[in-house]
Amino acid sequence: MTLLERAKSLDVNLALGLDHALVGLWNPVLSDRPDNQDKVIAVYSIDKIVHRYMEQDGMTYDEAMEFFQYNVVDVFTENHPIFIEE
């Protein structure tokens, strides 16, 4: 089973169009917060996302980072994925 298939089987909130940048799943163990015990969070690579924008859309690095921040990060209000720099 691929990482993406596993995420879908766990009903993880995924970022639309960023399957190529999915690098992991994280399950926070918060014993004092029972509402989060079964929650699994998608983890994405910022580098992979930004490089895809640069390659496909001809953006500069700064343009791609701005686009990522405004159109990806700022869209999520709750149950948002984690974005990491590799």
C-alpha atoms as a PDB file:
ATOM      1  CA  MET A   1       0.000   0.000   0.000  1.00  0.00           C
ATOM      2  CA  THR A   2       1.380   3.403  -0.950  1.00  0.00           C
ATOM      3  CA  LEU A   3       1.512   6.315   1.450  1.00  0.00           C
ATOM      4  CA  LEU A   4      -1.281   8.055  -0.445  1.00  0.00           C
ATOM      5  CA  GLU A   5      -3.469   4.937  -0.354  1.00  0.00           C
ATOM      6  CA  ARG A   6      -2.857   4.605   3.376  1.00  0.00           C
ATOM      7  CA  ALA A   7      -3.758   8.251   3.950  1.00  0.00           C
ATOM      8  CA  LYS A   8      -6.993   7.837   2.018  1.00  0.00           C
ATOM      9  CA  SER A   9      -7.873   4.650   3.906  1.00  0.00           C
ATOM     10  CA  LEU A  10      -7.428   6.530   7.187  1.00  0.00           C
ATOM     11  CA  ASP A  11      -9.629   9.393   5.958  1.00  0.00           C
ATOM     12  CA  VAL A  12      -6.787  11.897   6.341  1.00  0.00           C
ATOM     13  CA  ASN A  13      -7.483  15.487   5.292  1.00  0.00           C
ATOM     14  CA  LEU A  14      -5.336  15.823   2.143  1.00  0.00           C
ATOM     15  CA  ALA A  15      -4.280  18.950   0.284  1.00  0.00           C
ATOM     16  CA  LEU A  16      -5.820  18.962  -3.188  1.00  0.00           C
ATOM     17  CA  GLY A  17      -3.309  18.544  -6.009  1.00  0.00           C
ATOM     18  CA  LEU A  18      -0.283  17.961  -3.792  1.00  0.00           C
ATOM     19  CA  ASP A  19      -0.096  14.163  -3.813  1.00  0.00           C
ATOM     20  CA  HIS A  20       3.439  14.351  -5.245  1.00  0.00           C
ATOM     21  CA  ALA A  21       4.644  16.151  -2.107  1.00  0.00           C
ATOM     22  CA  LEU A  22       3.116  13.840   0.520  1.00  0.00           C
ATOM     23  CA  VAL A  23       6.060  12.573   2.577  1.00  0.00           C
ATOM     24  CA  GLY A  24       4.458  11.137   5.690  1.00  0.00           C
ATOM     25  CA  LEU A  25       1.628  10.763   8.147  1.00  0.00           C
ATOM     26  CA  TRP A  26       1.697  11.881  11.760  1.00  0.00           C
ATOM     27  CA  ASN A  27      -0.476  10.659  14.578  1.00  0.00           C
ATOM     28  CA  PRO A  28      -0.203  12.897  17.632  1.00  0.00           C
ATOM     29  CA  VAL A  29      -0.404  11.029  20.877  1.00  0.00           C
ATOM     30  CA  LEU A  30      -2.230  13.387  23.175  1.00  0.00           C
ATOM     31  CA  SER A  31      -3.628  11.329  26.035  1.00  0.00           C
ATOM     32  CA  ASP A  32      -5.192  14.369  27.677  1.00  0.00           C
ATOM     33  CA  ARG A  33      -7.124  15.237  24.503  1.00  0.00           C
ATOM     34  CA  PRO A  34      -9.332  12.268  23.587  1.00  0.00           C
ATOM     35  CA  ASP A  35     -10.706  14.094  20.534  1.00  0.00           C
ATOM     36  CA  ASN A  36      -7.250  13.878  18.877  1.00  0.00           C
ATOM     37  CA  GLN A  37      -6.296  10.289  19.709  1.00  0.00           C
ATOM     38  CA  ASP A  38      -7.383   8.806  16.377  1.00  0.00           C
ATOM     39  CA  LYS A  39      -6.471  11.823  14.277  1.00  0.00           C
ATOM     40  CA  VAL A  40      -3.848  11.280  11.584  1.00  0.00           C
ATOM     41  CA  ILE A  41      -2.311  14.304   9.875  1.00  0.00           C
ATOM     42  CA  ALA A  42      -0.760  14.473   6.397  1.00  0.00           C
ATOM     43  CA  VAL A  43       2.826  15.750   6.160  1.00  0.00           C
ATOM     44  CA  TYR A  44       3.958  17.513   2.975  1.00  0.00           C
ATOM     45  CA  SER A  45       7.319  18.702   1.674  1.00  0.00           C
ATOM     46  CA  ILE A  46       7.396  22.445   1.056  1.00  0.00           C
ATOM     47  CA  ASP A  47      10.421  21.958  -1.205  1.00  0.00           C
ATOM     48  CA  LYS A  48       8.568  19.525  -3.475  1.00  0.00           C
ATOM     49  CA  ILE A  49       5.537  21.784  -3.666  1.00  0.00           C
ATOM     50  CA  VAL A  50       7.531  24.927  -4.459  1.00  0.00           C
ATOM     51  CA  HIS A  51       9.735  23.181  -7.028  1.00  0.00           C
ATOM     52  CA  ARG A  52       6.647  21.855  -8.818  1.00  0.00           C
ATOM     53  CA  TYR A  53       5.255  25.384  -9.088  1.00  0.00           C
ATOM     54  CA  MET A  54       8.589  26.582 -10.437  1.00  0.00           C
ATOM     55  CA  GLU A  55       8.831  23.798 -13.019  1.00  0.00           C
ATOM     56  CA  GLN A  56       5.221  23.686 -14.185  1.00  0.00           C
ATOM     57  CA  ASP A  57       4.257  27.329 -13.954  1.00  0.00           C
ATOM     58  CA  GLY A  58       7.592  29.051 -14.569  1.00  0.00           C
ATOM     59  CA  MET A  59       7.509  30.866 -11.240  1.00  0.00           C
ATOM     60  CA  THR A  60      10.581  32.170  -9.504  1.00  0.00           C
ATOM     61  CA  TYR A  61      11.342  30.752  -6.065  1.00  0.00           C
ATOM     62  CA  ASP A  62       9.885  33.818  -4.348  1.00  0.00           C
ATOM     63  CA  GLU A  63       6.733  33.729  -6.491  1.00  0.00           C
ATOM     64  CA  ALA A  64       6.265  30.028  -5.795  1.00  0.00           C
ATOM     65  CA  MET A  65       6.692  30.523  -2.034  1.00  0.00           C
ATOM     66  CA  GLU A  66       4.181  33.383  -2.041  1.00  0.00           C
ATOM     67  CA  PHE A  67       1.726  31.317  -4.082  1.00  0.00           C
ATOM     68  CA  PHE A  68       2.175  28.370  -1.704  1.00  0.00           C
ATOM     69  CA  GLN A  69       1.604  30.522   1.370  1.00  0.00           C
ATOM     70  CA  TYR A  70      -1.468  32.282   0.035  1.00  0.00           C
ATOM     71  CA  ASN A  71      -3.136  29.430  -1.896  1.00  0.00           C
ATOM     72  CA  VAL A  72      -2.210  26.420   0.210  1.00  0.00           C
ATOM     73  CA  VAL A  73      -1.250  27.278   3.787  1.00  0.00           C
ATOM     74  CA  ASP A  74      -3.736  30.109   4.297  1.00  0.00           C
ATOM     75  CA  VAL A  75      -6.633  28.017   2.944  1.00  0.00           C
ATOM     76  CA  PHE A  76      -6.695  25.604   5.880  1.00  0.00           C
ATOM     77  CA  THR A  77      -8.425  26.667   9.063  1.00  0.00           C
ATOM     78  CA  GLU A  78      -8.666  23.363  10.915  1.00  0.00           C
ATOM     79  CA  ASN A  79      -7.545  19.786  10.374  1.00  0.00           C
ATOM     80  CA  HIS A  80      -4.719  21.211   8.319  1.00  0.00           C
ATOM     81  CA  PRO A  81      -1.730  19.211   7.122  1.00  0.00           C
ATOM     82  CA  ILE A  82       1.816  19.784   8.319  1.00  0.00           C
ATOM     83  CA  PHE A  83       4.235  21.398   5.877  1.00  0.00           C
ATOM     84  CA  ILE A  84       7.935  20.750   6.451  1.00  0.00           C
ATOM     85  CA  GLU A  85      11.165  21.910   4.856  1.00  0.00           C
ATOM     86  CA  GLU A  86      13.461  19.091   3.884  1.00  0.00           C
END
